[in-house]
Amino acid sequence: MSTAKSLIGTKNKMGQTIVDIEDFFNDKLPKEQHFMTGSEIVKEAIKRASVDMSISYPITPQSEAAALVGELWVEGYVKGYFRGEHEFAVMSQCAGAAFGGARVFTTTSGPGTLRAYENFPMWSGSRLPIMLCLMVRGINTPLSIQPDTIEMGMLLDTGMLMWHAENAQELFDYLLMGYIVAEQPDIHLPIAVACDGFFVSHTKEMVEMVSKDYCIPPYDPYRAPVPVMDMETAPMRIMRDPFVMKSNYISYMTHASWQLEIRGAIERSRKYTKRLMGGSLIEVENGDADIIICSSGTAISQGREAIRLMKAKGMDVGLVKIKTIRPFPDDEVRKALENAKLIVVPELNISGWMAKEIKSCIDRNDRVLVGPHVAGGMTMPPEVLMEEIEKEIALRKVA
């Protein structure tokens, strides 16, 4: 039996009762309601997450969340916490802690994400289930600290699981769910739980959460598919016996097969994620409408408001919200959009990576309106979204 499983029903040193993760998302445990910012919600989630180590470096807009997690170290809820020299160092240090069998939490944003970037595929290749809370922001010059999701597009092929929270409630839920999915023995991959900086991180919302008297089971590193690093065991064979020293051919084949295995693990995560997210990786509203808005994060929030305005004008528009980016819910999106005549993909970035993902998994992808886009952290007024839809309806003569 897993050590973590055997602890269910017992109390940790903080007096929290260790419960099964699924009990956090049903009505078995007492709930609390709090009016908090997204950054404060991160603290509340990590307080209940049995985290061993958190390493951070300040960069707007995630600095507050990182500092609040530091308070948990002072209070005793997190076993270890320190500030790294810079973002690359932070992610390397997170890897060291995870190699040693710790449950690890960190967070970053924008330019910090790019400075740390080399570590993310290393985390995946090393099968380290590190939790990264990604509070997205602009990365381009001239400087912008406002929300822009372009960095998410740059992480798509790192081998990480990627989920996108629309609001603070989902941010709280996904941080807890994410550990449980990422740490499954047949998954064991890092996970990026993203939210749109400022729109979520610094906005107050009412969030329902299980009482702080409860926590999820601690991480059991001996269920991992790779050995825990200790004085007897190197973290993986390539550390002490590099394949490239034998032959390039062996190196190529090993690397290629491991890339496939990582992607296979991402696919295997679907069954766990669906169960925790209520049976689906998407959310559909008015799915029979001819016009469907389809996206993720706060672009969906703006889509909801645009739908309200269009309904007042007698227009019938539906919505498909995508919860996970990796794995991408190809089959669910395809089915939800099969009868739509116009698919509108609003995005808070200039590159349109979400539209590319959607177009790649549906037939008749000429139905996709790529955009509207806002970049550099601008908000997307619902009036702009409505105006673009009306223009496209007239152009395409959609009923």
Protein backbone atom coordinates (compact mmCIF):
# COMPACT_ATOMS: atom_id res chain seq x y z
CA MET A 1 0.00 0.00 0.00
CA SER A 2 1.18 3.54 -0.73
CA THR A 3 2.50 5.33 2.34
CA ALA A 4 0.35 8.35 1.41
CA LYS A 5 -2.81 6.23 1.19
CA SER A 6 -2.15 4.63 4.56
CA LEU A 7 -2.07 8.10 6.17
CA ILE A 8 -5.65 8.98 5.20
CA GLY A 9 -7.63 9.78 8.33
CA THR A 10 -4.55 10.66 10.38
CA LYS A 11 -3.35 14.16 11.32
CA ASN A 12 -0.15 15.90 10.22
CA LYS A 13 2.04 18.03 12.48
CA MET A 14 -0.15 21.08 11.79
CA GLY A 15 -3.21 19.23 13.03
CA GLN A 16 -4.73 18.89 9.56
CA THR A 17 -6.60 15.68 8.81
CA ILE A 18 -5.26 13.92 5.72
CA VAL A 19 -8.12 13.05 3.36
CA ASP A 20 -8.53 11.62 -0.12
CA ILE A 21 -8.24 14.32 -2.80
CA GLU A 22 -11.67 13.50 -4.24
CA ASP A 23 -13.24 14.49 -0.93
CA PHE A 24 -12.12 18.05 -1.62
CA PHE A 25 -14.50 18.21 -4.57
CA ASN A 26 -17.67 16.66 -3.16
CA ASP A 27 -19.85 17.56 -0.20
CA LYS A 28 -18.26 15.25 2.38
CA LEU A 29 -16.07 17.90 4.05
CA PRO A 30 -16.96 21.26 5.63
CA LYS A 31 -16.48 24.18 3.26
CA GLU A 32 -15.47 27.80 3.80
CA GLN A 33 -16.15 30.81 1.61
CA HIS A 34 -13.52 33.51 1.27
CA PHE A 35 -13.36 36.77 -0.72
CA MET A 36 -9.74 36.81 -1.86
CA THR A 37 -7.37 37.68 -4.67
CA GLY A 38 -5.99 34.92 -6.86
CA SER A 39 -2.61 35.30 -5.15
CA GLU A 40 -4.21 34.77 -1.75
CA ILE A 41 -6.02 31.74 -3.15
CA VAL A 42 -2.67 30.22 -4.16
CA LYS A 43 -1.63 30.41 -0.50
CA GLU A 44 -4.84 28.71 0.58
CA ALA A 45 -4.42 25.89 -1.95
CA ILE A 46 -0.80 25.25 -0.98
CA LYS A 47 -1.78 25.30 2.71
CA ARG A 48 -3.90 22.22 1.94
CA ALA A 49 -1.44 20.57 -0.48
CA SER A 50 1.15 18.97 1.84
CA VAL A 51 3.99 20.70 -0.02
CA ASP A 52 7.56 19.86 1.00
CA MET A 53 9.51 22.59 -0.80
CA SER A 54 8.78 25.91 -2.49
CA ILE A 55 11.45 27.96 -4.25
CA SER A 56 10.72 31.33 -5.79
CA TYR A 57 12.06 34.46 -7.39
CA PRO A 58 10.06 37.70 -7.58
CA ILE A 59 8.61 38.82 -10.89
CA THR A 60 5.30 40.61 -11.43
CA PRO A 61 2.51 39.50 -11.19
CA GLN A 62 3.39 36.30 -9.31
CA SER A 63 5.59 37.92 -6.65
CA GLU A 64 2.77 38.27 -4.13
CA ALA A 65 1.74 34.61 -4.46
CA ALA A 66 5.34 33.50 -3.95
CA ALA A 67 5.70 35.70 -0.86
CA LEU A 68 2.46 34.40 0.63
CA VAL A 69 3.65 30.81 0.19
CA GLY A 70 6.75 31.91 2.10
CA GLU A 71 4.43 32.79 5.00
CA LEU A 72 3.27 29.17 4.97
CA TRP A 73 6.88 28.12 5.62
CA VAL A 74 6.96 30.42 8.66
CA GLU A 75 3.64 28.99 9.84
CA GLY A 76 4.85 25.40 9.33
CA TYR A 77 2.64 24.30 6.43
CA VAL A 78 5.56 24.13 3.97
CA LYS A 79 8.72 22.31 5.06
CA GLY A 80 11.27 24.29 3.05
CA TYR A 81 11.27 27.67 1.29
CA PHE A 82 13.91 29.99 -0.13
CA ARG A 83 14.49 32.53 -2.89
CA GLY A 84 16.69 31.47 -5.79
CA GLU A 85 19.28 33.66 -7.48
CA HIS A 86 17.13 34.04 -10.61
CA GLU A 87 14.45 32.11 -12.47
CA PHE A 88 16.80 29.65 -14.13
CA ALA A 89 18.33 28.84 -10.75
CA VAL A 90 14.87 28.46 -9.18
CA MET A 91 13.76 25.85 -11.69
CA SER A 92 17.07 23.98 -11.39
CA GLN A 93 16.74 23.98 -7.61
CA CYS A 94 13.14 22.77 -7.90
CA ALA A 95 14.46 19.86 -9.97
CA GLY A 96 17.00 19.01 -7.28
CA ALA A 97 14.32 18.95 -4.61
CA ALA A 98 12.03 16.79 -6.77
CA PHE A 99 14.87 14.38 -7.58
CA GLY A 100 15.22 13.89 -3.85
CA GLY A 101 11.57 12.93 -3.45
CA ALA A 102 9.97 16.25 -2.39
CA ARG A 103 6.59 17.60 -3.47
CA VAL A 104 7.59 20.93 -5.01
CA PHE A 105 5.73 24.16 -5.78
CA THR A 106 6.93 27.22 -7.66
CA THR A 107 5.52 30.07 -9.68
CA THR A 108 6.72 32.44 -12.39
CA SER A 109 5.56 34.90 -15.05
CA GLY A 110 6.47 36.24 -18.48
CA PRO A 111 10.20 36.95 -18.88
CA GLY A 112 10.85 34.75 -15.85
CA THR A 113 9.20 31.85 -17.70
CA LEU A 114 11.53 32.35 -20.65
CA ARG A 115 14.65 32.67 -18.51
CA ALA A 116 13.70 29.38 -16.84
CA TYR A 117 12.57 27.71 -20.07
CA GLU A 118 15.41 25.21 -20.54
CA ASN A 119 14.47 23.50 -17.28
CA PHE A 120 10.90 22.64 -18.25
CA PRO A 121 11.67 19.92 -20.82
CA MET A 122 14.35 18.68 -18.41
CA TRP A 123 11.68 18.33 -15.72
CA SER A 124 9.54 16.34 -18.17
CA GLY A 125 12.38 14.13 -19.36
CA SER A 126 13.35 13.44 -15.75
CA ARG A 127 9.71 12.67 -14.86
CA LEU A 128 9.52 15.24 -12.05
CA PRO A 129 5.93 16.08 -10.99
CA ILE A 130 6.69 19.70 -10.06
CA MET A 131 3.79 22.15 -9.80
CA LEU A 132 4.33 25.45 -11.64
CA CYS A 133 1.72 28.16 -11.12
CA LEU A 134 2.08 30.26 -14.25
CA MET A 135 0.65 33.77 -13.89
CA VAL A 136 0.95 34.90 -17.47
CA ARG A 137 2.08 38.35 -18.58
CA GLY A 138 3.59 40.07 -21.59
CA ILE A 139 7.14 39.20 -22.57
CA ASN A 140 7.88 41.58 -25.44
CA THR A 141 9.78 44.85 -25.61
CA PRO A 142 8.58 47.48 -24.93
CA LEU A 143 7.85 46.24 -21.43
CA SER A 144 4.40 45.03 -20.43
CA ILE A 145 3.49 43.51 -17.10
CA GLN A 146 -0.13 42.94 -18.09
CA PRO A 147 -1.71 39.56 -18.96
CA ASP A 148 -0.75 38.12 -22.33
CA THR A 149 -0.89 34.35 -22.90
CA ILE A 150 1.85 34.14 -25.52
CA GLU A 151 4.17 32.33 -23.08
CA MET A 152 1.65 29.48 -22.84
CA GLY A 153 2.07 28.87 -26.55
CA MET A 154 5.82 28.58 -26.01
CA LEU A 155 5.34 25.83 -23.39
CA LEU A 156 3.10 23.56 -25.48
CA ASP A 157 5.84 21.15 -26.52
CA THR A 158 7.89 20.97 -23.31
CA GLY A 159 6.21 17.74 -22.19
CA MET A 160 4.41 19.38 -19.28
CA LEU A 161 0.76 19.00 -18.44
CA MET A 162 -0.94 22.40 -18.90
CA TRP A 163 -4.26 23.55 -17.46
CA HIS A 164 -5.77 27.03 -17.77
CA ALA A 165 -7.90 28.43 -14.92
CA GLU A 166 -10.57 30.95 -15.85
CA ASN A 167 -11.02 32.32 -12.32
CA ALA A 168 -9.82 32.05 -8.72
CA GLN A 169 -12.10 29.12 -7.91
CA GLU A 170 -10.59 27.05 -10.70
CA LEU A 171 -7.11 28.17 -9.68
CA PHE A 172 -7.69 26.79 -6.18
CA ASP A 173 -9.18 23.54 -7.48
CA TYR A 174 -6.60 22.97 -10.22
CA LEU A 175 -3.61 23.44 -7.91
CA LEU A 176 -4.85 20.62 -5.70
CA MET A 177 -6.10 18.40 -8.52
CA GLY A 178 -2.86 18.96 -10.43
CA TYR A 179 -0.66 17.31 -7.84
CA ILE A 180 -2.82 14.21 -7.75
CA VAL A 181 -2.82 13.80 -11.55
CA ALA A 182 0.84 14.69 -12.07
CA GLU A 183 2.01 12.24 -9.39
CA GLN A 184 0.21 9.18 -10.73
CA PRO A 185 2.84 6.48 -11.39
CA ASP A 186 1.82 6.17 -15.06
CA ILE A 187 1.98 9.96 -15.54
CA HIS A 188 4.66 11.51 -13.31
CA LEU A 189 5.13 14.73 -15.25
CA PRO A 190 5.41 18.39 -14.26
CA ILE A 191 2.26 20.47 -14.51
CA ALA A 192 1.74 24.15 -15.30
CA VAL A 193 -1.49 25.53 -13.88
CA ALA A 194 -1.88 28.86 -15.69
CA CYS A 195 -4.03 31.85 -14.91
CA ASP A 196 -4.14 35.26 -16.54
CA GLY A 197 -2.06 37.66 -14.46
CA PHE A 198 -3.88 40.56 -12.74
CA PHE A 199 -7.24 39.48 -14.19
CA VAL A 200 -7.08 36.52 -11.80
CA SER A 201 -4.02 37.04 -9.59
CA HIS A 202 -5.01 40.50 -8.30
CA THR A 203 -8.80 40.44 -8.60
CA LYS A 204 -10.89 39.49 -5.57
CA GLU A 205 -13.51 36.80 -5.98
CA MET A 206 -15.63 34.65 -3.70
CA VAL A 207 -14.11 31.16 -3.57
CA GLU A 208 -15.43 28.05 -1.84
CA MET A 209 -12.79 25.78 -0.34
CA VAL A 210 -12.50 22.88 2.04
CA SER A 211 -11.66 23.96 5.60
CA LYS A 212 -7.97 24.52 6.32
CA ASP A 213 -8.26 21.71 8.85
CA TYR A 214 -7.89 19.23 5.98
CA CYS A 215 -5.13 18.48 3.49
CA ILE A 216 -4.38 16.08 0.65
CA PRO A 217 -2.07 13.10 1.24
CA PRO A 218 1.67 13.78 1.12
CA TYR A 219 3.70 12.77 -1.91
CA ASP A 220 4.97 9.19 -1.93
CA PRO A 221 8.11 9.29 -4.11
CA TYR A 222 8.49 5.52 -4.03
CA ARG A 223 5.47 5.16 -6.32
CA ALA A 224 7.42 7.04 -9.00
CA PRO A 225 8.39 5.29 -12.27
CA VAL A 226 11.99 6.45 -11.77
CA PRO A 227 14.18 5.95 -8.67
CA VAL A 228 14.38 8.61 -5.99
CA MET A 229 17.85 10.11 -5.80
CA ASP A 230 19.73 9.30 -2.62
CA MET A 231 23.32 8.52 -1.65
CA GLU A 232 23.03 5.12 -3.35
CA THR A 233 20.97 5.96 -6.43
CA ALA A 234 21.66 8.50 -9.16
CA PRO A 235 18.48 10.23 -10.32
CA MET A 236 18.55 8.47 -13.66
CA ARG A 237 20.96 6.26 -15.57
CA ILE A 238 22.03 8.97 -17.99
CA MET A 239 23.51 10.93 -15.11
CA ARG A 240 26.22 8.34 -14.57
CA ASP A 241 26.22 6.49 -17.89
CA PRO A 242 25.48 8.98 -20.70
CA PHE A 243 24.19 7.29 -23.83
CA VAL A 244 26.00 9.80 -26.01
CA MET A 245 29.28 8.37 -24.70
CA LYS A 246 28.37 5.02 -26.23
CA SER A 247 27.17 6.04 -29.68
CA ASN A 248 25.14 8.73 -31.36
CA TYR A 249 22.73 6.10 -32.63
CA ILE A 250 21.91 4.89 -29.11
CA SER A 251 21.54 8.50 -27.99
CA TYR A 252 19.14 9.30 -30.84
CA MET A 253 16.96 6.26 -30.23
CA THR A 254 16.85 6.72 -26.47
CA HIS A 255 15.91 10.37 -26.78
CA ALA A 256 13.25 9.70 -29.43
CA SER A 257 11.62 6.86 -27.48
CA TRP A 258 11.56 8.95 -24.31
CA GLN A 259 9.92 11.85 -26.15
CA LEU A 260 7.18 9.45 -27.23
CA GLU A 261 6.83 8.08 -23.70
CA ILE A 262 6.38 11.58 -22.26
CA ARG A 263 3.65 12.32 -24.78
CA GLY A 264 2.08 8.98 -23.98
CA ALA A 265 2.02 9.97 -20.30
CA ILE A 266 0.26 13.23 -21.20
CA GLU A 267 -2.40 11.21 -23.01
CA ARG A 268 -2.77 8.83 -20.06
CA SER A 269 -3.48 11.77 -17.77
CA ARG A 270 -6.88 12.29 -19.44
CA LYS A 271 -8.66 9.65 -17.41
CA TYR A 272 -7.53 11.05 -14.07
CA THR A 273 -8.18 14.66 -15.05
CA LYS A 274 -11.65 13.96 -16.42
CA ARG A 275 -12.69 12.24 -13.22
CA LEU A 276 -11.58 15.19 -11.08
CA MET A 277 -13.04 17.80 -13.45
CA GLY A 278 -16.51 16.31 -13.51
CA GLY A 279 -16.14 14.00 -16.50
CA SER A 280 -14.98 16.42 -19.19
CA LEU A 281 -12.02 18.58 -20.16
CA ILE A 282 -14.35 21.16 -21.69
CA GLU A 283 -17.48 23.03 -20.64
CA VAL A 284 -20.29 23.60 -23.13
CA GLU A 285 -23.11 26.14 -22.95
CA ASN A 286 -25.80 26.35 -25.65
CA GLY A 287 -23.84 23.93 -27.81
CA ASP A 288 -26.56 23.73 -30.49
CA ALA A 289 -26.03 27.34 -31.57
CA ASP A 290 -24.70 28.02 -35.07
CA ILE A 291 -22.11 30.41 -33.65
CA ILE A 292 -19.77 29.18 -30.90
CA ILE A 293 -17.12 31.09 -28.94
CA CYS A 294 -14.30 28.67 -28.06
CA SER A 295 -11.21 29.48 -25.97
CA SER A 296 -9.76 29.25 -22.44
CA GLY A 297 -8.93 31.42 -19.44
CA THR A 298 -10.32 34.94 -19.10
CA ALA A 299 -10.96 35.14 -22.85
CA ILE A 300 -13.89 32.88 -21.96
CA SER A 301 -15.03 35.30 -19.26
CA GLN A 302 -15.15 38.07 -21.86
CA GLY A 303 -16.90 35.67 -24.22
CA ARG A 304 -19.64 35.12 -21.66
CA GLU A 305 -20.26 38.86 -21.42
CA ALA A 306 -20.30 39.19 -25.22
CA ILE A 307 -22.88 36.39 -25.39
CA ARG A 308 -25.06 38.28 -22.87
CA LEU A 309 -24.90 41.44 -25.01
CA MET A 310 -25.66 39.52 -28.21
CA LYS A 311 -28.57 37.70 -26.61
CA ALA A 312 -30.09 41.09 -25.80
CA LYS A 313 -29.93 41.80 -29.55
CA GLY A 314 -31.62 38.50 -30.40
CA MET A 315 -28.45 36.67 -31.44
CA ASP A 316 -27.99 33.02 -30.48
CA VAL A 317 -24.37 32.24 -29.56
CA GLY A 318 -22.94 29.26 -27.64
CA LEU A 319 -19.70 28.72 -25.75
CA VAL A 320 -17.07 25.97 -25.45
CA LYS A 321 -14.55 26.45 -22.65
CA ILE A 322 -11.29 24.47 -22.83
CA LYS A 323 -9.91 23.58 -19.40
CA THR A 324 -6.73 21.68 -20.26
CA ILE A 325 -4.24 22.60 -22.97
CA ARG A 326 -2.05 19.52 -22.50
CA PRO A 327 -3.62 17.12 -22.97
CA PHE A 328 -5.67 19.03 -25.52
CA PRO A 329 -9.28 17.75 -25.52
CA ASP A 330 -9.30 16.98 -29.25
CA ASP A 331 -12.22 14.54 -29.34
CA GLU A 332 -14.39 16.60 -27.01
CA VAL A 333 -13.73 19.82 -28.93
CA ARG A 334 -14.37 18.08 -32.25
CA LYS A 335 -17.72 16.74 -31.05
CA ALA A 336 -18.78 20.01 -29.43
CA LEU A 337 -18.05 21.99 -32.61
CA GLU A 338 -19.19 19.52 -35.27
CA ASN A 339 -22.43 21.39 -36.09
CA ALA A 340 -21.21 24.95 -35.59
CA LYS A 341 -21.22 27.18 -38.66
CA LEU A 342 -18.88 29.80 -37.17
CA ILE A 343 -16.27 29.13 -34.45
CA VAL A 344 -14.86 32.27 -32.86
CA VAL A 345 -11.56 31.97 -30.96
CA PRO A 346 -10.77 35.09 -28.91
CA GLU A 347 -7.24 35.15 -27.45
CA LEU A 348 -5.14 37.34 -25.20
CA ASN A 349 -2.06 37.03 -27.41
CA ILE A 350 -0.93 37.94 -30.91
CA SER A 351 0.15 34.47 -32.07
CA GLY A 352 -3.22 32.72 -32.03
CA TRP A 353 -1.92 29.45 -30.62
CA MET A 354 -5.34 28.38 -29.34
CA ALA A 355 -6.91 28.83 -32.78
CA LYS A 356 -4.14 26.68 -34.26
CA GLU A 357 -4.86 23.94 -31.73
CA ILE A 358 -8.58 24.03 -32.52
CA LYS A 359 -8.07 24.13 -36.29
CA SER A 360 -5.77 21.11 -36.11
CA CYS A 361 -8.40 18.86 -34.51
CA ILE A 362 -11.62 19.67 -36.37
CA ASP A 363 -12.78 19.15 -39.93
CA ARG A 364 -13.87 22.09 -42.10
CA ASN A 365 -11.53 24.31 -40.15
CA ASP A 366 -12.33 27.23 -42.42
CA ARG A 367 -15.22 27.71 -39.96
CA VAL A 368 -12.70 29.12 -37.44
CA LEU A 369 -12.46 32.87 -37.00
CA VAL A 370 -8.91 33.32 -35.75
CA GLY A 371 -9.42 36.04 -33.16
CA PRO A 372 -10.16 38.67 -32.23
CA HIS A 373 -6.78 39.08 -30.55
CA VAL A 374 -5.58 41.55 -27.97
CA ALA A 375 -1.89 41.67 -27.14
CA GLY A 376 0.46 43.22 -24.64
CA GLY A 377 -2.03 42.78 -21.82
CA MET A 378 -4.97 44.77 -23.12
CA THR A 379 -8.43 43.70 -22.03
CA MET A 380 -10.85 42.35 -24.61
CA PRO A 381 -14.01 44.45 -24.41
CA PRO A 382 -17.05 42.27 -25.08
CA GLU A 383 -18.27 44.95 -27.49
CA VAL A 384 -15.19 44.33 -29.65
CA LEU A 385 -15.84 40.61 -29.64
CA MET A 386 -19.48 41.18 -30.56
CA GLU A 387 -18.52 43.59 -33.36
CA GLU A 388 -16.09 41.06 -34.87
CA ILE A 389 -18.75 38.34 -34.77
CA GLU A 390 -21.30 40.60 -36.45
CA LYS A 391 -18.80 41.47 -39.20
CA GLU A 392 -18.03 37.79 -39.78
CA ILE A 393 -21.72 36.87 -39.87
CA ALA A 394 -22.30 39.45 -42.59
CA LEU A 395 -19.22 38.33 -44.52
CA ARG A 396 -19.99 34.62 -44.35
CA LYS A 397 -23.77 35.00 -44.41
CA VAL A 398 -24.10 32.77 -41.34
CA ALA A 399 -27.77 32.33 -40.42
